[in-house]
Amino acid sequence: MSDTERVVVWTLVALAAVAAVGLLFLGPVGWVSAAAVVVATVVLADFSGLFEDERRRERRNCGQCGAPNPVDSERCKHCEAALAVQ
């Protein structure tokens, strides 16, 4: 496991602990907050490429916003701008 993956895993563990505390002690407000933290963490981990397989790792950046996109995409998944044909 690389250092980056280790940091992501421990960040997820820490955020799960925060979510557990929210579920146990804060009531409905804590439940919603904990769910938001978990969802945000998973989205950020997915954006970082942690959950991607090898064939999806090939990326090209959008010329307009700079977001990474799969090579075969015609439009940017972030800003919907048309991607230049390579």
N, C-alpha and C. Protein backbone atom coordinates (compact mmCIF):
# COMPACT_ATOMS: atom_id res chain seq x y z
N MET A 1 0.85 -1.17 0.00
CA MET A 1 0.00 0.00 0.00
C MET A 1 0.90 1.24 0.00
N SER A 2 0.63 2.16 -0.90
CA SER A 2 1.46 3.36 -1.00
C SER A 2 1.11 4.33 0.14
N ASP A 3 1.96 5.33 0.32
CA ASP A 3 1.73 6.33 1.37
C ASP A 3 0.43 7.08 1.14
N THR A 4 0.12 7.41 -0.11
CA THR A 4 -1.11 8.13 -0.42
C THR A 4 -2.32 7.29 -0.06
N GLU A 5 -2.31 6.02 -0.42
CA GLU A 5 -3.43 5.15 -0.08
C GLU A 5 -3.57 5.00 1.42
N ARG A 6 -2.44 4.91 2.12
CA ARG A 6 -2.47 4.78 3.58
C ARG A 6 -3.10 6.02 4.21
N VAL A 7 -2.76 7.20 3.71
CA VAL A 7 -3.34 8.45 4.23
C VAL A 7 -4.84 8.48 3.97
N VAL A 8 -5.26 8.07 2.79
CA VAL A 8 -6.69 8.07 2.47
C VAL A 8 -7.44 7.11 3.37
N VAL A 9 -6.88 5.91 3.57
CA VAL A 9 -7.54 4.92 4.42
C VAL A 9 -7.68 5.42 5.85
N TRP A 10 -6.62 6.00 6.40
CA TRP A 10 -6.70 6.50 7.77
C TRP A 10 -7.62 7.71 7.88
N THR A 11 -7.70 8.51 6.84
CA THR A 11 -8.65 9.62 6.83
C THR A 11 -10.07 9.09 6.85
N LEU A 12 -10.33 8.05 6.07
CA LEU A 12 -11.66 7.45 6.07
C LEU A 12 -11.99 6.85 7.44
N VAL A 13 -11.02 6.23 8.08
CA VAL A 13 -11.25 5.66 9.42
C VAL A 13 -11.58 6.77 10.41
N ALA A 14 -10.82 7.86 10.37
CA ALA A 14 -11.07 8.98 11.28
C ALA A 14 -12.43 9.60 11.04
N LEU A 15 -12.80 9.75 9.79
CA LEU A 15 -14.11 10.33 9.49
C LEU A 15 -15.23 9.39 9.89
N ALA A 16 -15.02 8.09 9.78
CA ALA A 16 -16.02 7.13 10.25
C ALA A 16 -16.20 7.24 11.76
N ALA A 17 -15.10 7.48 12.48
CA ALA A 17 -15.19 7.66 13.93
C ALA A 17 -15.98 8.92 14.27
N VAL A 18 -15.74 9.99 13.53
CA VAL A 18 -16.50 11.23 13.73
C VAL A 18 -17.98 10.98 13.44
N ALA A 19 -18.25 10.23 12.39
CA ALA A 19 -19.64 9.92 12.05
C ALA A 19 -20.29 9.10 13.15
N ALA A 20 -19.56 8.15 13.73
CA ALA A 20 -20.11 7.34 14.82
C ALA A 20 -20.44 8.20 16.03
N VAL A 21 -19.57 9.13 16.36
CA VAL A 21 -19.85 10.03 17.48
C VAL A 21 -21.10 10.87 17.18
N GLY A 22 -21.21 11.33 15.95
CA GLY A 22 -22.40 12.09 15.57
C GLY A 22 -23.66 11.26 15.70
N LEU A 23 -23.58 10.00 15.29
CA LEU A 23 -24.75 9.13 15.39
C LEU A 23 -25.13 8.83 16.84
N LEU A 24 -24.13 8.70 17.70
CA LEU A 24 -24.41 8.33 19.08
C LEU A 24 -24.86 9.49 19.95
N PHE A 25 -24.31 10.66 19.75
CA PHE A 25 -24.51 11.73 20.72
C PHE A 25 -25.27 12.96 20.23
N LEU A 26 -25.35 13.16 18.95
CA LEU A 26 -25.91 14.43 18.49
C LEU A 26 -27.35 14.34 17.98
N GLY A 27 -27.93 13.17 17.93
CA GLY A 27 -29.31 13.04 17.49
C GLY A 27 -29.44 13.28 16.00
N PRO A 28 -30.63 13.68 15.56
CA PRO A 28 -30.89 13.84 14.12
C PRO A 28 -29.94 14.82 13.42
N VAL A 29 -29.56 15.89 14.08
CA VAL A 29 -28.62 16.83 13.48
C VAL A 29 -27.28 16.14 13.26
N GLY A 30 -26.85 15.36 14.23
CA GLY A 30 -25.61 14.61 14.09
C GLY A 30 -25.69 13.56 13.01
N TRP A 31 -26.85 12.93 12.87
CA TRP A 31 -27.02 11.92 11.82
C TRP A 31 -26.85 12.53 10.44
N VAL A 32 -27.48 13.68 10.23
CA VAL A 32 -27.37 14.35 8.93
C VAL A 32 -25.94 14.83 8.70
N SER A 33 -25.32 15.38 9.74
CA SER A 33 -23.94 15.85 9.60
C SER A 33 -23.00 14.69 9.31
N ALA A 34 -23.17 13.58 10.00
CA ALA A 34 -22.32 12.42 9.79
C ALA A 34 -22.51 11.88 8.37
N ALA A 35 -23.73 11.82 7.90
CA ALA A 35 -23.99 11.34 6.54
C ALA A 35 -23.33 12.27 5.52
N ALA A 36 -23.39 13.57 5.76
CA ALA A 36 -22.75 14.52 4.84
C ALA A 36 -21.24 14.34 4.82
N VAL A 37 -20.64 14.09 5.97
CA VAL A 37 -19.19 13.88 6.05
C VAL A 37 -18.80 12.61 5.30
N VAL A 38 -19.56 11.54 5.51
CA VAL A 38 -19.25 10.27 4.84
C VAL A 38 -19.39 10.41 3.33
N VAL A 39 -20.47 11.02 2.87
CA VAL A 39 -20.67 11.20 1.43
C VAL A 39 -19.58 12.08 0.83
N ALA A 40 -19.24 13.16 1.49
CA ALA A 40 -18.18 14.05 0.99
C ALA A 40 -16.85 13.31 0.92
N THR A 41 -16.56 12.47 1.90
CA THR A 41 -15.31 11.72 1.90
C THR A 41 -15.25 10.74 0.75
N VAL A 42 -16.34 10.03 0.52
CA VAL A 42 -16.37 9.06 -0.58
C VAL A 42 -16.25 9.77 -1.92
N VAL A 43 -16.91 10.89 -2.07
CA VAL A 43 -16.83 11.65 -3.32
C VAL A 43 -15.40 12.13 -3.55
N LEU A 44 -14.76 12.65 -2.52
CA LEU A 44 -13.38 13.12 -2.67
C LEU A 44 -12.43 11.97 -2.96
N ALA A 45 -12.64 10.82 -2.31
CA ALA A 45 -11.79 9.66 -2.58
C ALA A 45 -11.98 9.17 -4.01
N ASP A 46 -13.22 9.21 -4.49
CA ASP A 46 -13.48 8.80 -5.88
C ASP A 46 -12.84 9.80 -6.85
N PHE A 47 -12.93 11.08 -6.54
CA PHE A 47 -12.32 12.09 -7.41
C PHE A 47 -10.80 11.94 -7.46
N SER A 48 -10.21 11.49 -6.35
CA SER A 48 -8.76 11.31 -6.32
C SER A 48 -8.31 10.13 -7.15
N GLY A 49 -9.23 9.24 -7.51
CA GLY A 49 -8.88 8.08 -8.31
C GLY A 49 -8.61 6.83 -7.51
N LEU A 50 -8.88 6.85 -6.22
CA LEU A 50 -8.59 5.71 -5.36
C LEU A 50 -9.38 4.48 -5.76
N PHE A 51 -10.62 4.64 -6.22
CA PHE A 51 -11.49 3.51 -6.51
C PHE A 51 -11.48 3.10 -7.98
N GLU A 52 -10.59 3.64 -8.77
CA GLU A 52 -10.61 3.37 -10.20
C GLU A 52 -9.75 2.17 -10.56
N ASP A 53 -10.16 1.46 -11.59
CA ASP A 53 -9.34 0.37 -12.08
C ASP A 53 -8.35 0.91 -13.13
N GLU A 54 -7.48 0.05 -13.60
CA GLU A 54 -6.39 0.48 -14.49
C GLU A 54 -6.89 1.10 -15.79
N ARG A 55 -7.94 0.57 -16.40
CA ARG A 55 -8.37 1.11 -17.69
C ARG A 55 -8.98 2.50 -17.56
N ARG A 56 -9.47 2.87 -16.37
CA ARG A 56 -10.03 4.20 -16.18
C ARG A 56 -8.98 5.22 -15.78
N ARG A 57 -7.75 4.79 -15.53
CA ARG A 57 -6.70 5.72 -15.09
C ARG A 57 -6.22 6.63 -16.21
N GLU A 58 -6.43 6.23 -17.45
CA GLU A 58 -6.02 7.09 -18.56
C GLU A 58 -6.96 8.29 -18.58
N ARG A 59 -6.40 9.46 -18.43
CA ARG A 59 -7.18 10.69 -18.31
C ARG A 59 -6.65 11.76 -19.24
N ARG A 60 -7.49 12.71 -19.51
CA ARG A 60 -7.05 13.95 -20.14
C ARG A 60 -7.78 15.08 -19.44
N ASN A 61 -7.12 16.18 -19.30
CA ASN A 61 -7.68 17.31 -18.57
C ASN A 61 -8.51 18.18 -19.50
N CYS A 62 -9.56 18.75 -18.94
CA CYS A 62 -10.42 19.67 -19.67
C CYS A 62 -9.63 20.95 -19.94
N GLY A 63 -9.72 21.46 -21.15
CA GLY A 63 -9.03 22.70 -21.49
C GLY A 63 -9.64 23.92 -20.85
N GLN A 64 -10.91 23.82 -20.43
CA GLN A 64 -11.59 24.97 -19.86
C GLN A 64 -11.44 25.04 -18.34
N CYS A 65 -11.70 23.91 -17.63
CA CYS A 65 -11.66 23.95 -16.16
C CYS A 65 -10.50 23.15 -15.57
N GLY A 66 -9.86 22.28 -16.37
CA GLY A 66 -8.73 21.50 -15.89
C GLY A 66 -9.09 20.20 -15.20
N ALA A 67 -10.39 19.86 -15.11
CA ALA A 67 -10.80 18.62 -14.44
C ALA A 67 -10.35 17.40 -15.24
N PRO A 68 -9.94 16.33 -14.57
CA PRO A 68 -9.55 15.11 -15.28
C PRO A 68 -10.78 14.39 -15.82
N ASN A 69 -10.67 13.88 -17.03
CA ASN A 69 -11.77 13.17 -17.69
C ASN A 69 -11.23 11.92 -18.35
N PRO A 70 -12.06 10.87 -18.48
CA PRO A 70 -11.62 9.69 -19.22
C PRO A 70 -11.26 10.06 -20.66
N VAL A 71 -10.34 9.33 -21.23
CA VAL A 71 -9.84 9.63 -22.57
C VAL A 71 -10.96 9.61 -23.60
N ASP A 72 -11.93 8.72 -23.44
CA ASP A 72 -12.97 8.56 -24.45
C ASP A 72 -14.17 9.50 -24.26
N SER A 73 -14.12 10.41 -23.29
CA SER A 73 -15.23 11.35 -23.06
C SER A 73 -15.25 12.43 -24.13
N GLU A 74 -16.46 12.82 -24.51
CA GLU A 74 -16.63 13.91 -25.46
C GLU A 74 -16.86 15.24 -24.75
N ARG A 75 -17.39 15.19 -23.52
CA ARG A 75 -17.66 16.39 -22.74
C ARG A 75 -17.05 16.24 -21.35
N CYS A 76 -16.68 17.36 -20.75
CA CYS A 76 -16.11 17.38 -19.41
C CYS A 76 -17.18 16.98 -18.41
N LYS A 77 -16.83 16.09 -17.47
CA LYS A 77 -17.81 15.66 -16.48
C LYS A 77 -18.04 16.73 -15.42
N HIS A 78 -17.20 17.75 -15.37
CA HIS A 78 -17.35 18.80 -14.37
C HIS A 78 -18.09 20.02 -14.93
N CYS A 79 -17.62 20.54 -16.06
CA CYS A 79 -18.21 21.79 -16.58
C CYS A 79 -19.00 21.60 -17.87
N GLU A 80 -19.04 20.36 -18.39
CA GLU A 80 -19.79 20.02 -19.61
C GLU A 80 -19.23 20.66 -20.89
N ALA A 81 -18.02 21.21 -20.83
CA ALA A 81 -17.42 21.79 -22.03
C ALA A 81 -17.00 20.66 -22.96
N ALA A 82 -17.03 20.92 -24.26
CA ALA A 82 -16.60 19.92 -25.24
C ALA A 82 -15.09 19.74 -25.12
N LEU A 83 -14.66 18.47 -25.11
CA LEU A 83 -13.24 18.16 -25.02
C LEU A 83 -12.66 18.07 -26.41
N ALA A 84 -11.45 18.57 -26.57
CA ALA A 84 -10.78 18.54 -27.86
C ALA A 84 -10.48 17.11 -28.25
N VAL A 85 -10.63 16.80 -29.53
CA VAL A 85 -10.33 15.46 -30.03
C VAL A 85 -8.83 15.32 -30.15
N GLN A 86 -8.31 14.18 -29.64
CA GLN A 86 -6.86 13.97 -29.70
C GLN A 86 -6.52 12.93 -30.71
